[in-house]
Amino acid sequence: MATDGNTPAMTNPFQLKHYNDTKRPALKFVVNFKEAGKRVRKFFSSKIEAQTFVQQKNIAFQNQGREGIEFPSWLRIMAGECNDLLEPHNKTIRDATEHYLTYLKASAKSCTVSELSVQMQAAKKADGASTSHLHDLKCRLKRLCADFGDKNVATISTRQIDEWLRDLNLAPQGRNNYRSAIRSMFNFAIKRNYATTNPAANTEKAKVVNKAPGILTVAQATALLKACKSDTAPYVAISLFAGLRAAEMDKLDWSEVDLDGEHIEVTAKKAKTAQRRLVPIAKNLAAWIRPHVKKNGLVAPQGLRKRFDAVKSRAGLSDWPPNAMRHSFASYRLAQCHDAAKVSLEMGNSPAMVFAHYRELVKPKDAEQFWKIAPGKR
């Protein structure tokens, strides 16, 4: 091939040679060359066929050069199409390739959703998560594993999670609680290099219309306490006048109730927020629990659910709002002291949450009556 004297001549990349193989006696010639970066061997039965092939390739080689002949037309067309698709996103074929290789590597060393669920729960337990949190996580992820358990974590899409959450047919807050658990699980997967993205992060949150929490009237709270026997009176009184969570009440020990110091200690280990707090003992609460105080032992009696159902029945409270006693404490306490920050410290919540949910739920005169409910008074 001629040159202008400045550009070095390109060597012919197509090598025609005789070929002899007893297993394939009909093939007499072979052409060796490179295509798409790979070595290729093309076999022919006659020299004319082989020479014709070399001539055709040489013409293409002269027109396109070595780079063109080793970069086949189908690959150039594909590269052009892909580049056009990526250009509006300001991305290149290299960007797409690197992204996809990362995905493939993550998929190769990923695990199933069921395996991820087990690993996450074990990690949470080792990190000191509360029993109630672990139980809640187990229940929600168990339902997810029933539908996605055998699927590779890295292959789950946002659309799949979105549709699954909607198909749960739960109330908005319930659906959002599932979304939160699944989002945490995929964040855990990213940290373990099982996935590169979190498909739950971009799912739609259900719109929650906040309703005023259900609370007990002064008459209902009085009836509830009067319906208690000695085994349930301390549990109900502390729930109403100290506002501990049900899970905190289940673990509360008498050694943590300090009548002389006028406070109840909720230890960090037993608190939902894992932060210790002291809740003041109001005068009427002290009157309710003083006859029942012990040095130690659980405040909640054995068979609490059955005993408490009997108390509600005797009090005529068939319609029982969720968390009625804790919500009642928050509402009457805020109306009494007008200090959301103070109430939040006692409840273990944020001031914003207390102010948003419990402000102006009860009238001042009702709050005054609530904190006067004492044994022997109606």
Protein backbone atom coordinates (compact mmCIF):
# COMPACT_ATOMS: atom_id res chain seq x y z
CA MET A 1 0.00 0.00 0.00
CA ALA A 2 1.45 3.35 -1.09
CA THR A 3 2.22 6.13 1.37
CA ASP A 4 3.07 9.82 1.06
CA GLY A 5 6.46 9.32 2.59
CA ASN A 6 5.47 10.76 5.94
CA THR A 7 2.83 8.27 7.03
CA PRO A 8 4.16 4.77 7.70
CA ALA A 9 2.57 2.04 5.62
CA MET A 10 0.10 -0.19 7.44
CA THR A 11 0.94 -3.85 7.30
CA ASN A 12 -1.61 -6.13 5.70
CA PRO A 13 -3.68 -7.60 8.56
CA PHE A 14 -5.02 -10.48 6.41
CA GLN A 15 -2.69 -13.45 6.22
CA LEU A 16 -3.54 -16.21 3.72
CA LYS A 17 -1.89 -19.54 4.44
CA HIS A 18 -2.13 -23.16 3.40
CA TYR A 19 -4.14 -25.31 5.78
CA ASN A 20 -3.81 -29.04 6.29
CA ASP A 21 -5.97 -31.00 8.71
CA THR A 22 -6.71 -34.68 8.27
CA LYS A 23 -9.99 -34.27 10.14
CA ARG A 24 -11.12 -31.58 7.67
CA PRO A 25 -9.47 -32.53 4.37
CA ALA A 26 -11.80 -30.33 2.27
CA LEU A 27 -10.35 -27.15 3.80
CA LYS A 28 -7.11 -26.14 2.09
CA PHE A 29 -6.57 -22.47 2.97
CA VAL A 30 -6.98 -20.25 6.01
CA VAL A 31 -7.04 -16.46 6.43
CA ASN A 32 -5.96 -15.08 9.81
CA PHE A 33 -7.08 -11.59 10.86
CA LYS A 34 -8.52 -9.55 13.76
CA GLU A 35 -12.11 -8.38 14.05
CA ALA A 36 -13.66 -6.44 16.92
CA GLY A 37 -10.45 -6.90 18.83
CA LYS A 38 -10.47 -10.69 18.55
CA ARG A 39 -8.35 -13.05 16.44
CA VAL A 40 -10.42 -14.74 13.70
CA ARG A 41 -9.62 -17.66 11.36
CA LYS A 42 -11.62 -18.09 8.15
CA PHE A 43 -11.29 -21.41 6.25
CA PHE A 44 -11.73 -22.04 2.51
CA SER A 45 -11.70 -25.06 0.22
CA SER A 46 -10.04 -23.21 -2.70
CA LYS A 47 -7.37 -20.57 -3.08
CA ILE A 48 -9.61 -18.41 -5.29
CA GLU A 49 -12.26 -18.17 -2.56
CA ALA A 50 -9.62 -17.26 -0.02
CA GLN A 51 -8.02 -14.64 -2.27
CA THR A 52 -11.41 -13.08 -3.08
CA PHE A 53 -12.18 -12.79 0.63
CA VAL A 54 -8.79 -11.17 1.28
CA GLN A 55 -9.29 -8.71 -1.58
CA GLN A 56 -12.70 -7.64 -0.24
CA LYS A 57 -11.31 -7.21 3.22
CA ASN A 58 -8.32 -5.28 1.89
CA ILE A 59 -10.61 -2.84 0.08
CA ALA A 60 -12.50 -2.20 3.33
CA PHE A 61 -9.19 -1.97 5.14
CA GLN A 62 -7.88 0.68 2.73
CA ASN A 63 -11.11 2.67 2.93
CA GLN A 64 -11.52 2.52 6.69
CA GLY A 65 -8.06 1.77 8.04
CA ARG A 66 -7.21 -0.77 10.71
CA GLU A 67 -9.47 0.82 13.31
CA GLY A 68 -12.46 0.67 10.98
CA ILE A 69 -11.93 -2.90 9.86
CA GLU A 70 -11.55 -4.12 13.44
CA PHE A 71 -14.67 -2.19 14.49
CA PRO A 72 -17.52 -3.94 12.60
CA SER A 73 -20.50 -2.04 11.19
CA TRP A 74 -23.06 -3.55 13.56
CA LEU A 75 -20.99 -2.42 16.53
CA ARG A 76 -20.60 1.10 15.14
CA ILE A 77 -24.34 1.33 14.53
CA MET A 78 -25.12 0.13 18.05
CA ALA A 79 -22.64 2.57 19.56
CA GLY A 80 -24.23 5.42 17.62
CA GLU A 81 -27.75 4.51 18.72
CA CYS A 82 -26.70 4.16 22.36
CA ASN A 83 -24.85 7.44 22.25
CA ASP A 84 -27.98 9.18 20.90
CA LEU A 85 -30.06 7.74 23.74
CA LEU A 86 -27.57 8.82 26.39
CA GLU A 87 -26.87 12.31 25.03
CA PRO A 88 -30.06 13.97 26.43
CA HIS A 89 -28.95 12.79 29.88
CA ASN A 90 -25.44 14.15 29.39
CA LYS A 91 -24.01 10.65 29.73
CA THR A 92 -21.59 8.67 27.59
CA ILE A 93 -21.33 5.02 26.60
CA ARG A 94 -18.49 4.72 29.10
CA ASP A 95 -20.74 6.07 31.88
CA ALA A 96 -23.40 3.51 30.96
CA THR A 97 -20.86 0.70 30.82
CA GLU A 98 -19.35 1.54 34.20
CA HIS A 99 -22.79 1.81 35.77
CA TYR A 100 -23.88 -1.54 34.36
CA LEU A 101 -20.63 -3.24 35.38
CA THR A 102 -21.19 -2.00 38.94
CA TYR A 103 -24.69 -3.46 38.83
CA LEU A 104 -23.40 -6.79 37.50
CA LYS A 105 -20.73 -6.99 40.20
CA ALA A 106 -23.32 -6.23 42.89
CA SER A 107 -25.67 -8.87 41.46
CA ALA A 108 -22.89 -11.45 41.36
CA LYS A 109 -22.15 -11.09 45.08
CA SER A 110 -25.70 -10.24 46.17
CA CYS A 111 -28.13 -12.46 48.08
CA THR A 112 -31.85 -13.20 48.21
CA VAL A 113 -34.34 -11.00 50.03
CA SER A 114 -34.88 -13.74 52.62
CA GLU A 115 -31.15 -13.97 53.32
CA LEU A 116 -30.89 -10.20 53.60
CA SER A 117 -33.81 -10.11 56.03
CA VAL A 118 -32.11 -12.63 58.32
CA GLN A 119 -28.80 -10.76 58.21
CA MET A 120 -30.40 -7.41 58.94
CA GLN A 121 -32.39 -8.66 61.91
CA ALA A 122 -29.27 -10.30 63.36
CA ALA A 123 -27.31 -7.07 62.92
CA LYS A 124 -30.07 -4.99 64.55
CA LYS A 125 -30.18 -7.36 67.50
CA ALA A 126 -26.39 -7.20 67.89
CA ASP A 127 -26.59 -3.39 67.74
CA GLY A 128 -28.97 -3.36 70.72
CA ALA A 129 -32.33 -2.67 69.06
CA SER A 130 -35.29 -2.99 71.41
CA THR A 131 -37.38 -6.15 71.55
CA SER A 132 -40.44 -4.30 70.28
CA HIS A 133 -38.51 -2.87 67.32
CA LEU A 134 -37.11 -6.30 66.43
CA HIS A 135 -40.58 -7.84 66.63
CA ASP A 136 -42.05 -5.12 64.42
CA LEU A 137 -39.24 -5.51 61.89
CA LYS A 138 -39.62 -9.29 61.83
CA CYS A 139 -43.37 -9.08 61.13
CA ARG A 140 -43.03 -6.57 58.29
CA LEU A 141 -40.09 -8.26 56.57
CA LYS A 142 -41.75 -11.65 56.90
CA ARG A 143 -44.62 -10.36 54.76
CA LEU A 144 -42.15 -8.98 52.19
CA CYS A 145 -40.24 -12.29 52.07
CA ALA A 146 -43.45 -14.16 51.35
CA ASP A 147 -43.56 -12.45 47.94
CA PHE A 148 -39.92 -11.58 47.22
CA GLY A 149 -37.98 -14.05 49.39
CA ASP A 150 -36.22 -15.95 46.59
CA LYS A 151 -35.46 -12.90 44.42
CA ASN A 152 -31.99 -11.38 44.12
CA VAL A 153 -31.78 -8.15 46.12
CA ALA A 154 -29.96 -6.27 43.36
CA THR A 155 -32.73 -6.97 40.85
CA ILE A 156 -35.68 -5.53 42.82
CA SER A 157 -37.09 -2.38 41.21
CA THR A 158 -38.86 0.67 42.61
CA ARG A 159 -41.96 -0.20 40.61
CA GLN A 160 -42.15 -3.66 42.18
CA ILE A 161 -41.94 -2.25 45.71
CA ASP A 162 -44.40 0.55 44.89
CA GLU A 163 -47.02 -1.87 43.55
CA TRP A 164 -46.47 -4.28 46.44
CA LEU A 165 -47.01 -1.55 49.03
CA ARG A 166 -50.27 -0.47 47.37
CA ASP A 167 -51.48 -4.08 47.19
CA LEU A 168 -51.18 -4.39 50.98
CA ASN A 169 -54.48 -2.49 51.26
CA LEU A 170 -53.46 -0.94 54.57
CA ALA A 171 -54.31 2.40 56.13
CA PRO A 172 -51.90 5.16 55.00
CA GLN A 173 -49.78 5.12 58.16
CA GLY A 174 -49.60 1.32 58.12
CA ARG A 175 -48.38 1.34 54.53
CA ASN A 176 -45.78 4.00 55.37
CA ASN A 177 -44.56 1.89 58.29
CA TYR A 178 -43.91 -1.01 55.89
CA ARG A 179 -42.17 1.37 53.48
CA SER A 180 -39.89 2.58 56.27
CA ALA A 181 -38.88 -0.97 57.25
CA ILE A 182 -38.17 -1.96 53.64
CA ARG A 183 -36.22 1.22 53.00
CA SER A 184 -34.02 0.43 56.02
CA MET A 185 -33.47 -3.09 54.72
CA PHE A 186 -32.23 -1.89 51.32
CA ASN A 187 -29.99 0.71 52.95
CA PHE A 188 -28.49 -2.20 54.86
CA ALA A 189 -28.06 -4.05 51.54
CA ILE A 190 -26.14 -1.11 50.06
CA LYS A 191 -23.79 -1.06 53.04
CA ARG A 192 -23.15 -4.78 52.52
CA ASN A 193 -22.56 -4.20 48.78
CA TYR A 194 -25.54 -6.40 47.89
CA ALA A 195 -27.15 -3.57 45.90
CA THR A 196 -26.14 -0.27 44.35
CA THR A 197 -29.44 1.58 44.79
CA ASN A 198 -32.37 1.60 47.20
CA PRO A 199 -35.59 0.81 45.26
CA ALA A 200 -37.76 1.74 48.25
CA ALA A 201 -36.31 5.25 48.52
CA ASN A 202 -38.28 6.57 45.54
CA THR A 203 -41.56 4.81 46.28
CA GLU A 204 -44.58 7.01 46.97
CA LYS A 205 -45.53 7.73 50.57
CA ALA A 206 -49.21 7.38 51.38
CA LYS A 207 -50.90 10.61 52.41
CA VAL A 208 -51.75 10.51 56.09
CA VAL A 209 -54.54 12.75 57.36
CA ASN A 210 -53.75 13.38 61.01
CA LYS A 211 -56.69 12.95 63.33
CA ALA A 212 -56.89 14.11 66.90
CA PRO A 213 -55.81 11.24 69.18
CA GLY A 214 -58.58 9.60 71.13
CA ILE A 215 -58.51 10.41 74.84
CA LEU A 216 -60.61 9.58 77.90
CA THR A 217 -62.90 12.11 79.48
CA VAL A 218 -62.49 12.89 83.17
CA ALA A 219 -65.57 10.76 83.86
CA GLN A 220 -64.19 7.82 81.84
CA ALA A 221 -60.76 8.00 83.50
CA THR A 222 -62.43 8.07 86.90
CA ALA A 223 -64.64 5.10 86.05
CA LEU A 224 -61.63 3.16 84.78
CA LEU A 225 -59.68 3.67 87.99
CA LYS A 226 -62.67 2.84 90.17
CA ALA A 227 -63.12 -0.41 88.22
CA CYS A 228 -59.56 -1.52 89.04
CA LYS A 229 -58.66 -4.04 91.68
CA SER A 230 -55.40 -3.98 93.60
CA ASP A 231 -53.61 -5.96 90.89
CA THR A 232 -54.38 -3.49 88.09
CA ALA A 233 -54.73 -0.14 89.91
CA PRO A 234 -50.98 0.75 89.83
CA TYR A 235 -50.69 -0.15 86.13
CA VAL A 236 -53.69 1.98 85.13
CA ALA A 237 -52.80 4.91 87.41
CA ILE A 238 -49.21 5.16 86.14
CA SER A 239 -50.37 4.84 82.53
CA LEU A 240 -52.90 7.64 83.01
CA PHE A 241 -50.91 10.05 85.17
CA ALA A 242 -47.31 9.36 84.00
CA GLY A 243 -47.99 8.58 80.34
CA LEU A 244 -45.58 5.69 79.90
CA ARG A 245 -45.84 3.69 76.67
CA ALA A 246 -47.49 0.27 76.86
CA ALA A 247 -44.15 -1.43 76.11
CA GLU A 248 -42.46 0.63 78.86
CA MET A 249 -45.22 -0.24 81.31
CA ASP A 250 -44.79 -3.94 80.57
CA LYS A 251 -41.13 -3.69 81.70
CA LEU A 252 -41.49 -1.17 84.54
CA ASP A 253 -40.16 -2.50 87.86
CA TRP A 254 -41.22 -1.25 91.28
CA SER A 255 -37.57 -0.47 92.04
CA GLU A 256 -37.81 2.27 89.41
CA VAL A 257 -40.78 3.94 91.14
CA ASP A 258 -39.42 6.44 93.71
CA LEU A 259 -42.25 7.86 95.78
CA ASP A 260 -39.89 9.80 98.08
CA GLY A 261 -38.06 11.33 95.11
CA GLU A 262 -41.40 11.85 93.37
CA HIS A 263 -40.37 10.39 90.03
CA ILE A 264 -40.48 7.25 87.90
CA GLU A 265 -37.32 6.26 86.06
CA VAL A 266 -37.64 4.94 82.52
CA THR A 267 -34.25 3.41 81.85
CA ALA A 268 -32.55 3.74 78.48
CA LYS A 269 -32.74 -0.01 78.00
CA LYS A 270 -36.51 0.00 78.40
CA ALA A 271 -37.31 3.27 76.59
CA LYS A 272 -38.35 3.22 72.95
CA THR A 273 -35.91 6.06 72.22
CA ALA A 274 -33.09 4.28 74.13
CA GLN A 275 -32.74 7.42 76.30
CA ARG A 276 -33.24 7.53 80.04
CA ARG A 277 -35.88 9.91 81.38
CA LEU A 278 -37.51 10.79 84.69
CA VAL A 279 -41.26 11.25 84.86
CA PRO A 280 -42.65 13.20 87.84
CA ILE A 281 -45.15 11.51 90.14
CA ALA A 282 -48.17 13.78 90.53
CA LYS A 283 -49.88 14.00 93.92
CA ASN A 284 -52.96 12.09 92.80
CA LEU A 285 -50.78 9.38 91.20
CA ALA A 286 -48.88 8.98 94.47
CA ALA A 287 -52.20 8.48 96.27
CA TRP A 288 -53.24 5.75 93.83
CA ILE A 289 -50.03 3.72 93.99
CA ARG A 290 -48.89 4.23 97.59
CA PRO A 291 -51.00 1.32 98.98
CA HIS A 292 -49.51 -1.05 96.42
CA VAL A 293 -45.82 -0.11 96.40
CA LYS A 294 -43.27 -2.96 96.48
CA LYS A 295 -39.50 -2.98 96.66
CA ASN A 296 -39.17 -4.75 93.34
CA GLY A 297 -41.05 -6.81 90.80
CA LEU A 298 -43.00 -5.88 87.72
CA VAL A 299 -45.76 -3.30 88.11
CA ALA A 300 -47.86 -4.98 85.40
CA PRO A 301 -49.66 -8.08 86.73
CA GLN A 302 -49.49 -11.47 85.08
CA GLY A 303 -52.27 -12.01 82.57
CA LEU A 304 -52.50 -8.26 82.05
CA ARG A 305 -54.54 -8.36 78.85
CA LYS A 306 -57.34 -10.44 80.35
CA ARG A 307 -57.37 -8.47 83.61
CA PHE A 308 -57.37 -5.10 81.84
CA ASP A 309 -60.19 -6.17 79.51
CA ALA A 310 -62.23 -6.98 82.61
CA VAL A 311 -61.48 -3.52 84.05
CA LYS A 312 -62.67 -1.79 80.86
CA SER A 313 -65.77 -3.93 80.84
CA ARG A 314 -66.66 -3.05 84.44
CA ALA A 315 -66.06 0.64 83.62
CA GLY A 316 -68.41 0.41 80.64
CA LEU A 317 -65.69 1.40 78.14
CA SER A 318 -66.45 -0.74 75.12
CA ASP A 319 -65.11 1.85 72.64
CA TRP A 320 -61.41 2.07 73.51
CA PRO A 321 -59.21 4.48 71.50
CA PRO A 322 -55.65 3.28 70.66
CA ASN A 323 -53.11 4.33 73.31
CA ALA A 324 -55.95 6.04 75.15
CA MET A 325 -54.17 6.40 78.50
CA ARG A 326 -50.90 7.81 77.12
CA HIS A 327 -52.78 10.21 74.85
CA SER A 328 -54.92 11.30 77.78
CA PHE A 329 -51.83 12.02 79.88
CA ALA A 330 -50.28 14.13 77.12
CA SER A 331 -53.44 16.15 76.52
CA TYR A 332 -54.27 16.87 80.15
CA ARG A 333 -50.62 17.48 81.06
CA LEU A 334 -50.11 20.02 78.27
CA ALA A 335 -53.32 21.80 79.23
CA GLN A 336 -52.08 21.89 82.82
CA CYS A 337 -48.54 23.26 82.32
CA HIS A 338 -48.71 24.86 78.82
CA ASP A 339 -45.14 23.72 78.15
CA ALA A 340 -44.68 21.36 75.17
CA ALA A 341 -40.93 21.00 75.80
CA LYS A 342 -41.54 19.89 79.38
CA VAL A 343 -44.22 17.39 78.37
CA SER A 344 -42.00 16.04 75.59
CA LEU A 345 -39.23 15.32 78.10
CA GLU A 346 -41.65 13.44 80.31
CA MET A 347 -43.07 11.45 77.39
CA GLY A 348 -39.86 10.86 75.45
CA ASN A 349 -41.18 12.62 72.33
CA SER A 350 -40.27 15.79 70.44
CA PRO A 351 -41.81 19.14 71.45
CA ALA A 352 -43.08 19.62 67.89
CA MET A 353 -44.97 16.32 68.00
CA VAL A 354 -46.49 17.11 71.40
CA PHE A 355 -47.56 20.58 70.31
CA ALA A 356 -48.98 19.37 67.00
CA HIS A 357 -51.01 16.45 68.39
CA TYR A 358 -52.14 17.43 71.88
CA ARG A 359 -52.61 21.19 71.89
CA GLU A 360 -56.13 22.37 72.80
CA LEU A 361 -57.63 18.88 72.98
CA VAL A 362 -59.03 19.53 76.46
CA LYS A 363 -60.27 22.60 78.30
CA PRO A 364 -58.36 24.00 81.28
CA LYS A 365 -61.20 23.21 83.69
CA ASP A 366 -61.21 19.57 82.55
CA ALA A 367 -57.44 19.37 83.02
CA GLU A 368 -57.85 20.71 86.55
CA GLN A 369 -60.41 17.98 87.31
CA PHE A 370 -58.26 15.26 85.72
CA TRP A 371 -55.32 15.93 88.01
CA LYS A 372 -57.63 15.82 91.02
CA ILE A 373 -58.87 12.28 90.34
CA ALA A 374 -57.86 10.44 93.51
CA PRO A 375 -58.93 7.33 95.44
CA GLY A 376 -62.31 7.81 97.10
CA LYS A 377 -63.29 10.70 94.78
CA ARG A 378 -65.55 10.66 91.76
